[in-house]
Protein backbone atom coordinates (compact mmCIF):
# COMPACT_ATOMS: atom_id res chain seq x y z
CA MET A 1 0.37 -4.15 -9.16
CA ALA A 2 -2.05 -1.48 -7.88
CA TYR A 3 -3.04 -0.60 -11.45
CA GLN A 4 -3.70 -4.26 -12.29
CA ASN A 5 -5.90 -4.72 -9.22
CA VAL A 6 -8.05 -1.63 -9.76
CA THR A 7 -8.66 -2.57 -13.40
CA LYS A 8 -9.37 -6.24 -12.64
CA GLN A 9 -11.49 -5.76 -9.51
CA LYS A 10 -13.55 -2.82 -10.79
CA ASP A 11 -13.73 -1.72 -7.16
CA SER A 12 -11.47 -0.22 -4.51
CA VAL A 13 -9.03 -2.67 -2.96
CA ILE A 14 -6.26 -2.80 -0.35
CA PHE A 15 -3.82 -5.67 -0.46
CA GLY A 16 -0.46 -6.77 0.83
CA HIS A 17 1.90 -9.69 0.37
CA ASN A 18 4.19 -8.24 -2.32
CA HIS A 19 6.06 -6.05 0.23
CA ARG A 20 5.97 -2.92 -1.96
CA PHE A 21 3.96 0.27 -1.45
CA ASP A 22 2.01 1.13 -4.58
CA MET A 23 -1.17 3.01 -5.34
CA LYS A 24 -3.48 3.76 -8.23
CA ILE A 25 -6.46 6.12 -8.25
CA ALA A 26 -8.88 5.71 -11.12
CA THR A 27 -11.93 7.77 -12.04
CA LYS A 28 -14.97 5.70 -12.92
CA GLY A 29 -17.55 8.24 -14.13
CA ALA A 30 -20.57 8.62 -11.88
CA ARG A 31 -19.17 6.01 -9.47
CA GLY A 32 -16.48 8.47 -8.46
CA LYS A 33 -12.99 7.25 -7.72
CA LEU A 34 -11.61 3.78 -7.22
CA TYR A 35 -8.53 3.26 -5.07
CA SER A 36 -6.02 0.46 -5.10
CA PHE A 37 -3.30 0.31 -2.45
CA SER A 38 -0.54 -2.19 -1.91
CA ALA A 39 0.24 -1.62 1.74
CA GLY A 40 3.94 -2.50 1.77
CA CYS A 41 5.21 -4.36 4.82
CA MET A 42 6.43 -3.81 8.34
CA THR A 43 9.51 -5.87 9.03
CA HIS A 44 12.67 -5.03 10.88
CA PRO A 45 15.39 -3.73 8.50
CA LYS A 46 17.69 -6.55 9.63
CA TYR A 47 15.08 -9.23 8.89
CA ASP A 48 17.05 -11.95 7.14
CA GLU A 49 15.66 -15.15 5.70
CA PRO A 50 17.11 -17.14 2.79
CA TRP A 51 13.88 -16.97 0.74
CA CYS A 52 14.00 -13.15 0.45
CA LYS A 53 17.72 -12.37 0.25
CA ASN A 54 17.48 -11.24 -3.41
CA THR A 55 14.37 -9.07 -3.02
CA ARG A 56 14.28 -7.56 0.46
CA HIS A 57 16.31 -4.52 -0.64
CA ALA A 58 13.26 -3.44 -2.69
CA TRP A 59 10.69 -3.79 0.12
CA ASP A 60 8.85 -0.70 1.33
CA ARG A 61 8.84 -0.90 5.12
CA GLY A 62 6.19 1.21 6.78
CA ILE A 63 2.48 1.59 7.37
CA LEU A 64 -0.42 2.88 5.30
CA ILE A 65 -2.88 5.04 7.25
CA LEU A 66 -6.31 5.53 5.68
CA LYS A 67 -8.39 8.54 6.65
CA THR A 68 -12.12 8.18 6.13
CA ARG A 69 -15.20 10.35 6.11
CA GLY A 70 -18.08 7.99 6.77
CA THR A 71 -17.48 5.17 4.32
CA ASP A 72 -15.54 7.37 1.87
CA LEU A 73 -11.78 7.66 1.67
CA ALA A 74 -10.83 11.21 2.66
CA GLY A 75 -7.07 10.77 2.43
CA PHE A 76 -4.14 8.56 3.23
CA GLU A 77 -0.63 8.75 4.61
CA TRP A 78 2.35 6.49 4.08
CA MET A 79 4.87 6.45 6.92
CA ASP A 80 8.13 4.67 6.32
CA TYR A 81 10.01 2.70 8.96
CA ASN A 82 12.49 5.48 9.77
CA SER A 83 9.74 8.08 10.24
CA LEU A 84 7.93 5.75 12.61
CA ARG A 85 11.10 5.20 14.63
CA ARG A 86 11.60 8.96 14.98
CA LEU A 87 8.07 9.32 16.40
């Protein structure tokens, strides 16, 4: 999904809704790099609704932290649910 978004949008993009963490970094010549992140989701591991019973096992629970330098992306960190609980 991240690859599709960076190629369709022709610009950096952050999105959610599909519940999976995914990323794609593309080089676009003189424009530098384009980034596409699917941010995953943050739900409790015991979250249980009928609509997601067949897919929730594949969800990436956690947070995406973007580190910036001015308006440029300087780095990122993905922290999963268990790491966050330990903190």
